[in-house]
Structures are given as structure tokens and as C-alpha cells.
Protein backbone atom coordinates (compact mmCIF):
# COMPACT_ATOMS: atom_id res chain seq x y z
CA MET A 1 0.00 0.00 0.00
CA LEU A 2 2.81 2.38 0.94
CA LEU A 3 4.65 1.56 -2.29
CA ALA A 4 1.48 2.11 -4.34
CA THR A 5 1.01 5.52 -2.72
CA PHE A 6 4.63 6.47 -3.30
CA LEU A 7 4.29 5.55 -6.98
CA TRP A 8 0.91 7.28 -7.36
CA VAL A 9 2.03 9.13 -10.50
CA PHE A 10 2.33 5.73 -12.20
CA THR A 11 -0.46 3.80 -10.47
CA LYS A 12 -3.20 6.43 -10.16
CA ILE A 13 -2.78 8.74 -13.16
CA PRO A 14 -5.96 8.46 -15.30
CA TYR A 15 -4.12 9.37 -18.51
CA ALA A 16 -1.64 6.48 -18.50
CA LYS A 17 -2.77 5.04 -21.84
CA LEU A 18 -0.77 4.24 -24.94
CA ASN A 19 -3.55 5.69 -27.09
CA SER A 20 -5.74 8.75 -27.25
CA THR A 21 -9.34 9.49 -28.17
CA TYR A 22 -8.18 12.77 -29.67
CA GLY A 23 -5.62 11.54 -32.20
CA SER A 24 -2.14 13.01 -32.60
CA GLY A 25 -0.37 15.98 -34.15
CA ASP A 26 2.80 17.85 -35.03
CA ILE A 27 5.87 17.42 -32.80
CA PHE A 28 6.28 21.24 -32.75
CA HIS A 29 2.64 21.85 -31.82
CA PHE A 30 3.36 23.08 -28.28
CA ALA A 31 6.37 25.11 -29.42
CA ASN A 32 3.97 26.99 -31.71
CA GLN A 33 1.17 27.20 -29.15
CA LEU A 34 3.47 28.59 -26.45
CA PHE A 35 3.58 31.81 -28.46
CA TYR A 36 -0.19 32.21 -27.93
CA VAL A 37 0.10 31.45 -24.22
CA ILE A 38 2.80 33.97 -23.23
CA GLY A 39 2.78 36.40 -26.17
CA PHE A 40 5.52 37.71 -28.44
CA PRO A 41 7.67 39.75 -25.98
CA LEU A 42 7.95 36.94 -23.43
CA TYR A 43 8.42 34.35 -26.18
CA ILE A 44 11.53 36.25 -27.33
CA LEU A 45 12.83 36.50 -23.77
CA LEU A 46 12.24 32.78 -23.21
CA ILE A 47 14.32 31.87 -26.27
CA LEU A 48 17.04 34.32 -25.22
CA GLY A 49 17.00 32.86 -21.71
CA ILE A 50 17.50 29.30 -22.97
CA ILE A 51 20.19 30.27 -25.50
CA SER A 52 22.10 32.50 -23.07
CA SER A 53 22.00 29.81 -20.39
CA ILE A 54 23.41 27.23 -22.80
CA PHE A 55 26.30 29.53 -23.72
CA LEU A 56 26.98 30.39 -20.09
CA PHE A 57 26.86 26.74 -19.10
CA LEU A 58 29.46 25.89 -21.74
CA LYS A 59 31.90 28.33 -20.16
CA LYS A 60 34.23 26.18 -18.06
CA PRO A 61 34.33 28.26 -14.83
CA LEU A 62 30.56 28.66 -14.74
CA LYS A 63 30.03 25.05 -15.79
CA ASP A 64 32.11 23.90 -12.83
CA ALA A 65 30.17 26.19 -10.48
CA ILE A 66 26.81 24.89 -11.75
CA LEU A 67 27.85 21.26 -11.46
CA LYS A 68 28.83 21.86 -7.85
CA LYS A 69 25.46 23.49 -7.11
CA PRO A 70 22.99 22.32 -9.78
CA GLU A 71 19.69 23.43 -8.17
CA ARG A 72 18.95 26.21 -10.67
CA LEU A 73 19.72 24.05 -13.69
CA THR A 74 17.68 21.13 -12.34
CA LEU A 75 14.70 22.88 -10.76
CA ILE A 76 14.14 25.44 -13.51
CA TYR A 77 15.54 24.43 -16.88
CA LEU A 78 15.42 20.64 -16.70
CA CYS A 79 11.95 20.65 -15.10
CA PHE A 80 10.62 22.99 -17.79
CA LEU A 81 12.22 21.10 -20.68
CA THR A 82 11.14 17.71 -19.34
CA TYR A 83 7.53 18.87 -18.98
CA PHE A 84 7.52 20.61 -22.36
CA ILE A 85 9.16 17.76 -24.28
CA ALA A 86 6.93 15.15 -22.58
CA HIS A 87 3.71 16.90 -23.65
CA SER A 88 5.09 17.39 -27.17
CA LEU A 89 5.80 13.67 -27.41
CA PHE A 90 2.43 12.73 -25.90
CA TRP A 91 0.64 14.70 -28.61
CA TYR A 92 2.96 13.55 -31.39
CA PHE A 93 2.54 9.86 -30.58
CA GLY A 94 -1.11 10.18 -29.55
CA ILE A 95 -0.61 8.75 -26.06
CA PHE A 96 -1.62 9.66 -22.48
CA ASN A 97 -4.97 10.92 -23.82
CA SER A 98 -3.29 14.10 -25.01
CA MET A 99 -5.61 16.50 -26.79
CA GLY A 100 -2.89 18.99 -27.71
CA LEU A 101 -4.49 21.70 -25.56
CA LYS A 102 -2.20 24.64 -24.93
CA ARG A 103 -3.65 25.11 -21.46
CA VAL A 104 -1.34 22.36 -20.14
CA LEU A 105 1.53 24.84 -20.51
CA ILE A 106 0.07 26.90 -17.65
CA GLY A 107 1.63 24.33 -15.33
CA VAL A 108 5.14 25.64 -16.08
CA ILE A 109 4.41 29.37 -16.31
CA PRO A 110 6.41 30.08 -13.09
CA LEU A 111 9.43 28.31 -14.61
CA ILE A 112 8.92 30.15 -17.90
CA SER A 113 8.91 33.44 -15.98
CA LEU A 114 12.29 32.68 -14.41
CA ILE A 115 13.79 31.68 -17.76
CA CYS A 116 12.40 34.89 -19.29
CA LEU A 117 14.12 36.81 -16.50
CA ASP A 118 17.43 35.22 -17.51
CA GLY A 119 16.77 36.31 -21.09
CA PHE A 120 15.90 39.80 -19.92
CA ASN A 121 19.09 40.08 -17.86
CA PHE A 122 21.14 38.81 -20.82
CA LEU A 123 19.58 41.44 -23.08
CA ILE A 124 20.26 44.23 -20.60
CA GLN A 125 23.88 43.20 -20.21
CA LEU A 126 24.59 43.38 -23.96
CA SER A 127 25.49 47.04 -23.52
CA LYS A 128 27.41 48.79 -20.78
CA ASN A 129 25.81 52.12 -21.69
CA ARG A 130 23.40 53.07 -18.91
CA ILE A 131 21.02 54.93 -21.21
CA ILE A 132 20.80 52.01 -23.65
CA ARG A 133 20.17 49.60 -20.78
CA LYS A 134 17.36 51.74 -19.42
CA SER A 135 15.89 52.12 -22.91
CA ILE A 136 15.87 48.34 -23.46
CA PHE A 137 14.40 47.83 -19.99
CA SER A 138 11.61 50.36 -20.56
CA LEU A 139 10.87 49.11 -24.08
CA PHE A 140 10.32 45.50 -23.01
CA ILE A 141 8.28 46.45 -19.96
CA ILE A 142 5.99 48.66 -22.06
CA CYS A 143 5.68 46.04 -24.85
CA THR A 144 4.90 43.27 -22.36
CA ILE A 145 2.15 45.33 -20.70
CA ILE A 146 0.58 46.63 -23.92
CA PHE A 147 0.86 43.46 -26.03
CA PRO A 148 -2.12 41.55 -24.50
CA PHE A 149 -4.43 44.40 -25.55
CA THR A 150 -3.23 44.73 -29.16
CA LYS A 151 -4.91 43.24 -32.22
CA ASN A 152 -2.82 40.10 -32.36
CA PRO A 153 -3.76 36.39 -32.42
CA ALA A 154 -1.78 35.93 -29.19
CA ALA A 155 -3.43 38.90 -27.45
CA PHE A 156 -6.69 39.01 -25.50
CA ASN A 157 -9.92 38.68 -27.40
CA LEU A 158 -12.18 40.32 -24.82
CA LYS A 159 -15.42 39.13 -26.37
CA LYS A 160 -14.25 35.53 -26.87
CA ASP A 161 -11.88 34.97 -23.95
CA PHE A 162 -13.97 36.59 -21.23
CA SER A 163 -17.45 35.44 -22.20
CA LEU A 164 -19.39 32.23 -21.73
CA LYS A 165 -19.20 29.69 -24.53
CA PRO A 166 -22.34 28.64 -26.46
CA ASP A 167 -22.71 25.39 -24.49
CA GLN A 168 -22.47 27.30 -21.21
CA HIS A 169 -25.23 29.65 -22.32
CA LEU A 170 -27.40 26.61 -23.03
CA ILE A 171 -26.70 25.19 -19.58
CA LEU A 172 -27.78 28.46 -17.95
CA GLN A 173 -30.92 28.55 -20.08
CA MET A 174 -31.75 24.96 -19.18
CA ALA A 175 -31.21 25.58 -15.45
CA ASN A 176 -33.47 28.63 -15.63
CA ASP A 177 -36.21 26.73 -17.51
CA PHE A 178 -36.35 23.80 -15.11
CA LYS A 179 -35.73 25.68 -11.83
CA PHE A 180 -33.82 22.73 -10.39
CA LYS A 181 -33.71 21.84 -6.74
CA ASN A 182 -30.60 19.70 -6.58
CA THR A 183 -32.04 17.28 -4.00
CA ASP A 184 -34.93 16.31 -6.26
CA HIS A 185 -33.08 14.31 -8.89
CA LEU A 186 -30.27 11.92 -9.62
CA TYR A 187 -28.47 13.64 -12.47
CA TYR A 188 -26.66 11.97 -15.36
CA TYR A 189 -24.29 14.20 -17.35
CA PHE A 190 -20.60 14.95 -17.92
CA PRO A 191 -19.90 18.73 -18.35
CA GLY A 192 -18.49 20.17 -15.14
CA TYR A 193 -20.16 23.53 -15.74
CA ILE A 194 -23.55 21.93 -15.12
CA SER A 195 -22.37 21.05 -11.61
CA VAL A 196 -21.28 24.66 -11.07
CA VAL A 197 -24.64 26.07 -12.20
CA LEU A 198 -26.73 23.53 -10.29
CA LYS A 199 -24.42 23.67 -7.24
CA ILE A 200 -23.92 19.91 -7.26
CA ASP A 201 -20.88 18.01 -6.04
CA HIS A 202 -19.57 16.72 -9.36
CA PHE A 203 -17.89 13.72 -7.72
CA ASN A 204 -20.73 12.63 -5.44
CA THR A 205 -22.27 9.60 -7.16
CA LYS A 206 -25.36 9.91 -4.98
CA THR A 207 -26.35 13.05 -6.87
CA ARG A 208 -24.47 12.79 -10.20
CA GLU A 209 -23.47 9.90 -12.42
CA SER A 210 -22.02 9.73 -15.91
CA LEU A 211 -24.06 8.84 -18.98
CA SER A 212 -21.88 5.80 -19.59
CA GLU A 213 -22.95 4.47 -16.18
CA LEU A 214 -26.59 5.09 -17.09
CA MET A 215 -26.23 2.88 -20.15
CA LYS A 216 -24.99 0.01 -17.95
CA GLU A 217 -27.93 0.14 -15.54
CA GLN A 218 -30.86 -2.25 -15.90
CA GLU A 219 -33.35 0.10 -14.29
CA ILE A 220 -33.40 3.88 -14.43
CA PRO A 221 -34.26 5.59 -11.12
CA PHE A 222 -37.67 7.30 -11.06
CA ASN A 223 -36.02 10.63 -10.23
CA ALA A 224 -33.39 10.39 -13.00
CA PHE A 225 -32.65 13.53 -14.95
CA ILE A 226 -30.44 13.01 -18.01
CA ILE A 227 -28.60 15.86 -19.72
CA TRP A 228 -26.86 15.09 -23.03
CA ASP A 229 -24.49 17.45 -24.84
CA ASN A 230 -22.92 17.07 -28.28
CA TRP A 231 -19.30 17.26 -27.12
CA PHE A 232 -18.50 15.68 -23.75
CA SER A 233 -21.24 13.04 -23.94
CA VAL A 234 -20.05 11.92 -27.37
CA VAL A 235 -16.27 12.31 -27.19
CA GLU A 236 -15.62 11.54 -23.53
CA GLU A 237 -18.37 9.01 -22.84
CA GLY A 238 -19.20 7.58 -26.24
CA VAL A 239 -22.94 8.15 -25.81
CA SER A 240 -24.64 9.48 -28.95
CA TYR A 241 -27.93 11.34 -29.10
CA ASP A 242 -29.50 8.51 -31.10
CA LYS A 243 -28.56 6.02 -28.40
CA LEU A 244 -30.60 7.96 -25.84
CA LYS A 245 -33.34 8.89 -28.30
CA ASN A 246 -33.92 5.23 -29.15
CA ASP A 247 -33.83 4.07 -25.53
CA THR A 248 -37.46 3.27 -24.70
CA ARG A 249 -36.77 3.85 -21.01
CA LEU A 250 -36.22 7.56 -21.69
CA LYS A 251 -38.38 10.45 -22.82
CA GLU A 252 -36.98 13.62 -24.37
CA VAL A 253 -38.47 16.71 -22.77
CA LYS A 254 -36.52 19.61 -24.20
CA SER A 255 -33.55 20.44 -26.45
CA TYR A 256 -31.41 23.55 -26.86
CA GLU A 257 -29.11 24.66 -29.68
CA LYS A 258 -26.76 27.62 -30.10
CA ASP A 259 -23.83 28.18 -32.49
CA GLY A 260 -23.11 24.49 -32.99
CA ALA A 261 -23.63 23.51 -29.34
CA LYS A 262 -26.53 21.24 -28.44
CA LEU A 263 -28.07 20.19 -25.14
CA VAL A 264 -30.92 17.70 -24.72
CA VAL A 265 -32.83 16.86 -21.54
CA PHE A 266 -34.33 13.42 -20.92
CA VAL A 267 -36.32 11.94 -18.05
CA LYS A 268 -37.53 8.45 -17.28
CA ASN A 269 -40.34 7.30 -19.51
CA ASP A 270 -43.28 6.38 -17.29
CA LEU A 271 -45.28 4.80 -20.10
């Protein structure tokens, strides 16, 4: 038991699969997507930080000093590169259920910040002229602050990035239509946002179960409330709309559609 706990990253990780539902992609996918995560100014500093650190490491006196005290090299650069290369390989080979989502890079943003700082210091030290140093310093600070608000694919899209998605709008509309009291039903669905809106513990199987579990059950509880969506239910659980529509135990009561998103509500068929 103690050994199993110690090796939890190998024994408990839910993504430890040599295949993926989402396919595979380019080996440089995350290298390209990182630009959209941190933006152009920081992307440049990150590259400078890595290159400058390689050159400094190759210098014999500094190399000896680093090897005697390797914490910075290990905790920052090797951790970042290991994480980054691992996710690139996961997506390239289509393993560990990788979907190629750039959001996984958020996990190493603190390390990226420290590497960017190395790049920034390297850039500043290129000139001994105080005025030039201050100019470079001010230029990068201003660019870094302004860049997220420019018209650039890597900048903020206020309407898109800070608004609810179509499927979330449908969930709010559904919750408003049915006026749920979360103790009244046993819910079957997958999207986590439904749990947020209905104020349900997403991991409490006494109040919420997955659609795939519903399909295994012989009898459907009288208070069952089934919510199907055209993304999570299909991709994550393998339950199509037709499968529920043709299930004689269920009755469709309402459906919602908006900009390609679809949500359908079923209840137990009492006939």
C-alpha cells in the first residue's frame, strides 16, 4: 500500500494510456502554441534565456560552479524542458490521452517566468551604456504590458476569452427553464459547468453519475434527470444522441441549440 502511494504518479494517473481518443499531431505543436500562451515579448525572452543559459553553461568556470550546485539548472531548466518535451511527445505519438491543448503549458508558467528573467538580464547586459540599458528595460516592460491588448492572435480577445461559450449559455438557459432543486433528482451528465450552475458536487455519485454508467444500468431511477451534450457526452463518454433517443426507457423533454452547441434533456419514460 505504501509503495502504491509512493508511486501514485504511475499507479493512479488516469491518462496512462498508450492511445488517445483525440488523435495526434505535429511534434512542434506546443512550441507553436506557447507563443499564444505567453505572447511575443515573453516568447523572445524565453528563447534568449535558454540560448544564453546554454552559452553560459558551456563556459568552463561557470560550468564547474553549476555542477557543484545544480539546483537552478535542475529545478528550472530541466523541469521545464522535461515537462515541455513530454507533452510534445504525448501529442505527437497520440498517447496519455493528449488532446494537444495549450492550457497544459500553464503548469510551467512560473518556470517560464524565471527563464524569461534570464533572457531579460542577458539582453540588458549586452550594452554597458546606462542609457541604452534603461531604454531596453523600458521598451520590453511597455511592450509586455501593452501586447495583451493589441490586435494580435496571441493577445486578448475580450469578447471571446472573457465570455461564456455557447454550451455554457445553453446550460444556464436549461437551469433557468427547469428551476432545479438539486435534491430532487439523480443527475446523469458529464460537463463540469452543469455542476457549477446547479451547485452539485460533481464527484458525489449519490447526486451525479455519468451517462456511460446510465447505459450500464438495468433500471433507471424514477427521479433520473439526463442531460446530453454534443461534445462531452459523445467524445468523452461515447454516448450518442441517437442512443438515448432510441432508448425506450427515456423520454426527451426539451432540447437547446446555439452556435453548434446542443443540449438535450431526458427523463424516465413512465409509459
